[in-house]
Amino acid sequence: MAKYQIYMIRHGKTWFNKYNKMQGWSDTPLAPEGLEGAKLAAKALKDVDFDLAFSSDARRAIDTCKLIVDENKNKEQLNPTKLMEFREQFYGYFEGMNSSEAWFIVGQPHGETNFGDILTKYGLDATRDFMKAADPFHDAENAEEYWTRINRGFKKIDEVAKDGDKVLLVSHGTTIRSITERFGGGKFDLTQSPKNSSLTLLERDNGVNTVTKYSQILD
């Protein structure tokens, strides 16, 4: 394996982001302000010497990735690849629901009424387990299912990345926050999700992840 950097970018703002709805494997297009935010990120990253480019297979991530690649100095050499492993968390029955309502239902059995309080008291992995338990179909991903998928994604990047590479990866808010919680060494304030079109920087050294920057606004 190699030592390389992953520039994790959250996709631009979508209509479901704007309306505060649960958006995991469901997908809505970039809203006008999301397009503008992604274009600003693309300009900020245009001189980064990217060797590889990836996105999740959600349209909002694919479109954001294309905007960044099309502006990049290495655009002729970059061929963006979709990795379903870096999709957002799957919310199952709660997909598309008003976020506050969904987290009220999920948190009630544990004495909490909102996502922030669940997160503070129990952590992100517990929010996944609680959601799967609350899902009447039990389709939502629990922590074990989620991390099995994410870890498979990192191994796929390992197969093609070389020492010193700079890798673009456009993914999602909860996914980037989860990776930061697990690999950030407690150095970052995770009470807020990373901003749309923001940068979170991860160093991967022979399979070991370290997040060095979280939710940096690019403009």
Protein backbone atom coordinates (compact mmCIF):
# COMPACT_ATOMS: atom_id res chain seq x y z
CA MET A 1 0.00 0.00 0.00
CA ALA A 2 0.96 3.65 -0.38
CA LYS A 3 0.91 6.96 1.47
CA TYR A 4 -1.35 9.55 -0.16
CA GLN A 5 -3.81 12.38 0.55
CA ILE A 6 -7.55 12.34 0.01
CA TYR A 7 -9.29 15.67 -0.55
CA MET A 8 -12.81 14.87 0.67
CA ILE A 9 -15.31 17.38 -0.67
CA ARG A 10 -18.93 17.47 0.37
CA HIS A 11 -21.23 17.85 -2.65
CA GLY A 12 -22.91 21.17 -3.36
CA LYS A 13 -26.16 22.07 -1.64
CA THR A 14 -29.21 20.20 -2.94
CA TRP A 15 -32.95 20.82 -2.77
CA PHE A 16 -33.34 18.29 0.07
CA ASN A 17 -30.49 20.04 1.95
CA LYS A 18 -32.35 23.31 1.52
CA TYR A 19 -35.61 21.82 2.78
CA ASN A 20 -33.93 19.95 5.70
CA LYS A 21 -34.99 16.51 4.53
CA MET A 22 -33.25 13.17 5.10
CA GLN A 23 -31.10 12.51 2.06
CA GLY A 24 -29.04 9.36 2.15
CA TRP A 25 -29.39 7.05 -0.83
CA SER A 26 -32.23 9.24 -2.10
CA ASP A 27 -30.94 11.97 -4.37
CA THR A 28 -31.98 15.45 -5.41
CA PRO A 29 -30.18 17.78 -7.83
CA LEU A 30 -27.89 20.60 -6.83
CA ALA A 31 -29.90 23.72 -6.08
CA PRO A 32 -28.77 26.97 -7.76
CA GLU A 33 -26.75 27.99 -4.68
CA GLY A 34 -25.29 24.48 -4.64
CA LEU A 35 -24.05 24.88 -8.20
CA GLU A 36 -22.46 28.20 -7.33
CA GLY A 37 -20.81 26.76 -4.22
CA ALA A 38 -19.41 23.83 -6.18
CA LYS A 39 -18.04 26.20 -8.81
CA LEU A 40 -16.29 28.24 -6.11
CA ALA A 41 -14.74 25.04 -4.73
CA ALA A 42 -13.63 24.09 -8.25
CA LYS A 43 -11.84 27.41 -8.67
CA ALA A 44 -10.19 27.09 -5.26
CA LEU A 45 -8.91 23.60 -6.16
CA LYS A 46 -7.96 24.27 -9.78
CA ASP A 47 -4.20 24.23 -9.12
CA VAL A 48 -4.19 21.15 -6.90
CA ASP A 49 -2.21 18.47 -8.70
CA PHE A 50 -4.85 15.73 -8.53
CA ASP A 51 -3.76 12.27 -9.67
CA LEU A 52 -7.10 10.49 -9.20
CA ALA A 53 -10.73 11.55 -8.89
CA PHE A 54 -13.65 9.69 -7.31
CA SER A 55 -17.18 10.42 -6.25
CA SER A 56 -20.02 8.46 -4.76
CA ASP A 57 -22.55 7.24 -7.31
CA ALA A 58 -25.17 9.80 -6.24
CA ARG A 59 -25.90 12.41 -8.90
CA ARG A 60 -25.24 15.29 -6.49
CA ALA A 61 -21.71 13.99 -5.90
CA ILE A 62 -21.07 13.11 -9.56
CA ASP A 63 -22.11 16.61 -10.68
CA THR A 64 -19.95 18.29 -8.04
CA CYS A 65 -16.98 16.11 -8.98
CA LYS A 66 -17.36 16.97 -12.67
CA LEU A 67 -17.35 20.69 -11.94
CA ILE A 68 -14.14 20.33 -9.92
CA VAL A 69 -12.40 18.11 -12.47
CA ASP A 70 -13.37 20.31 -15.42
CA GLU A 71 -11.67 23.26 -13.73
CA ASN A 72 -8.56 21.38 -12.60
CA LYS A 73 -5.12 21.78 -14.17
CA ASN A 74 -5.00 17.99 -14.72
CA LYS A 75 -8.45 17.65 -16.27
CA GLU A 76 -7.12 15.94 -19.39
CA GLN A 77 -5.58 13.15 -17.29
CA LEU A 78 -8.41 12.72 -14.77
CA ASN A 79 -11.16 10.19 -15.37
CA PRO A 80 -13.62 10.42 -12.45
CA THR A 81 -14.68 7.04 -11.09
CA LYS A 82 -17.91 6.34 -9.19
CA LEU A 83 -17.60 4.40 -5.94
CA MET A 84 -20.92 3.38 -4.39
CA GLU A 85 -18.96 2.60 -1.22
CA PHE A 86 -18.78 6.34 -0.48
CA ARG A 87 -22.51 6.92 -0.71
CA GLU A 88 -24.19 8.68 2.17
CA GLN A 89 -25.55 6.63 5.04
CA PHE A 90 -28.76 4.81 4.10
CA TYR A 91 -31.69 6.05 6.19
CA GLY A 92 -34.15 3.38 5.08
CA TYR A 93 -37.76 4.17 5.98
CA PHE A 94 -36.74 7.71 6.98
CA GLU A 95 -35.43 8.71 3.53
CA GLY A 96 -37.07 11.97 2.41
CA MET A 97 -38.66 12.66 5.80
CA ASN A 98 -38.29 16.01 7.51
CA SER A 99 -35.01 15.64 9.42
CA SER A 100 -36.30 16.96 12.75
CA GLU A 101 -39.27 14.60 12.64
CA ALA A 102 -37.10 11.60 11.76
CA TRP A 103 -34.63 12.18 14.59
CA PHE A 104 -37.46 12.76 17.07
CA ILE A 105 -38.81 9.30 16.25
CA VAL A 106 -35.34 7.72 16.37
CA GLY A 107 -34.30 9.41 19.60
CA GLN A 108 -37.48 8.96 21.64
CA PRO A 109 -36.73 5.38 22.81
CA HIS A 110 -33.39 6.66 24.15
CA GLY A 111 -34.71 9.74 25.91
CA GLU A 112 -33.60 12.23 23.26
CA THR A 113 -35.60 14.34 20.81
CA ASN A 114 -33.08 15.67 18.27
CA PHE A 115 -30.01 14.59 16.35
CA GLY A 116 -27.61 16.90 18.19
CA ASP A 117 -28.47 15.46 21.59
CA ILE A 118 -28.28 11.87 20.33
CA LEU A 119 -24.88 12.62 18.77
CA THR A 120 -23.50 14.31 21.90
CA LYS A 121 -24.65 11.60 24.27
CA TYR A 122 -24.11 8.46 22.20
CA GLY A 123 -21.93 9.24 19.14
CA LEU A 124 -22.49 8.80 15.40
CA ASP A 125 -22.33 5.01 15.32
CA ALA A 126 -25.16 4.84 17.86
CA THR A 127 -27.33 7.11 15.66
CA ARG A 128 -27.07 4.45 12.94
CA ASP A 129 -27.93 1.58 15.25
CA PHE A 130 -30.83 3.53 16.75
CA MET A 131 -32.17 4.37 13.30
CA LYS A 132 -32.09 0.76 12.12
CA ALA A 133 -33.95 -0.27 15.28
CA ALA A 134 -36.58 2.45 14.74
CA ASP A 135 -37.03 1.67 11.04
CA PRO A 136 -40.18 -0.52 10.78
CA PHE A 137 -38.54 -2.32 7.83
CA HIS A 138 -35.06 -2.38 9.44
CA ASP A 139 -33.60 -1.31 6.08
CA ALA A 140 -31.53 1.60 7.44
CA GLU A 141 -27.82 0.85 7.76
CA ASN A 142 -26.47 0.11 11.20
CA ALA A 143 -22.89 0.96 12.16
CA GLU A 144 -21.45 -2.42 11.20
CA GLU A 145 -23.05 -2.39 7.76
CA TYR A 146 -22.02 1.21 7.18
CA TRP A 147 -18.35 0.78 8.08
CA THR A 148 -18.03 -2.46 6.15
CA ARG A 149 -19.03 -0.49 3.06
CA ILE A 150 -16.80 2.52 3.77
CA ASN A 151 -13.75 0.36 4.51
CA ARG A 152 -14.31 -1.49 1.24
CA GLY A 153 -14.19 1.88 -0.52
CA PHE A 154 -10.84 2.80 1.01
CA LYS A 155 -9.42 -0.54 -0.10
CA LYS A 156 -10.57 0.15 -3.67
CA ILE A 157 -8.68 3.44 -3.65
CA ASP A 158 -5.63 1.62 -2.25
CA GLU A 159 -5.62 -0.57 -5.35
CA VAL A 160 -4.85 2.37 -7.65
CA ALA A 161 -3.28 5.12 -5.51
CA LYS A 162 0.50 5.54 -5.43
CA ASP A 163 2.91 7.17 -2.99
CA GLY A 164 2.48 10.93 -2.95
CA ASP A 165 -0.82 10.97 -4.87
CA LYS A 166 -3.45 13.62 -4.29
CA VAL A 167 -6.89 12.06 -4.56
CA LEU A 168 -10.16 13.92 -5.04
CA LEU A 169 -13.17 12.24 -3.38
CA VAL A 170 -16.59 13.90 -3.50
CA SER A 171 -18.85 12.41 -0.86
CA HIS A 172 -21.50 13.40 1.69
CA GLY A 173 -22.01 15.23 4.96
CA THR A 174 -22.63 12.40 7.39
CA THR A 175 -20.03 10.22 5.71
CA ILE A 176 -17.33 12.88 5.95
CA ARG A 177 -18.30 13.68 9.53
CA SER A 178 -18.23 9.97 10.43
CA ILE A 179 -14.78 9.52 8.90
CA THR A 180 -13.60 12.58 10.84
CA GLU A 181 -15.06 11.29 14.10
CA ARG A 182 -13.30 7.95 13.68
CA PHE A 183 -9.97 9.19 12.32
CA GLY A 184 -9.67 12.79 13.53
CA GLY A 185 -8.25 12.06 16.96
CA GLY A 186 -10.89 14.17 18.70
CA LYS A 187 -9.38 17.38 17.33
CA PHE A 188 -12.44 18.71 15.52
CA ASP A 189 -15.81 20.12 16.51
CA LEU A 190 -18.29 17.66 15.07
CA THR A 191 -21.44 19.27 16.41
CA GLN A 192 -21.96 20.62 12.88
CA SER A 193 -21.92 18.67 9.64
CA PRO A 194 -19.29 19.76 7.10
CA LYS A 195 -20.54 22.60 4.95
CA ASN A 196 -21.61 21.92 1.38
CA SER A 197 -18.65 22.15 -1.02
CA SER A 198 -16.19 22.26 1.91
CA LEU A 199 -12.85 20.44 2.15
CA THR A 200 -11.89 17.79 4.68
CA LEU A 201 -8.34 16.50 4.27
CA LEU A 202 -7.34 12.93 5.07
CA GLU A 203 -3.89 11.33 4.96
CA ARG A 204 -3.86 7.59 4.33
CA ASP A 205 -0.56 5.91 5.16
CA ASN A 206 -0.40 2.17 4.41
CA GLY A 207 -4.05 1.75 5.32
CA VAL A 208 -4.03 4.05 8.36
CA ASN A 209 -6.28 7.13 8.16
CA THR A 210 -5.66 10.50 9.81
CA VAL A 211 -7.94 13.50 9.24
CA THR A 212 -5.89 16.70 9.32
CA LYS A 213 -8.46 19.31 8.28
CA TYR A 214 -12.26 19.45 8.64
CA SER A 215 -14.93 21.45 6.82
CA GLN A 216 -12.72 24.16 5.34
CA ILE A 217 -14.78 26.54 3.24
CA LEU A 218 -13.43 26.91 -0.30
CA ASP A 219 -13.99 30.23 -1.99
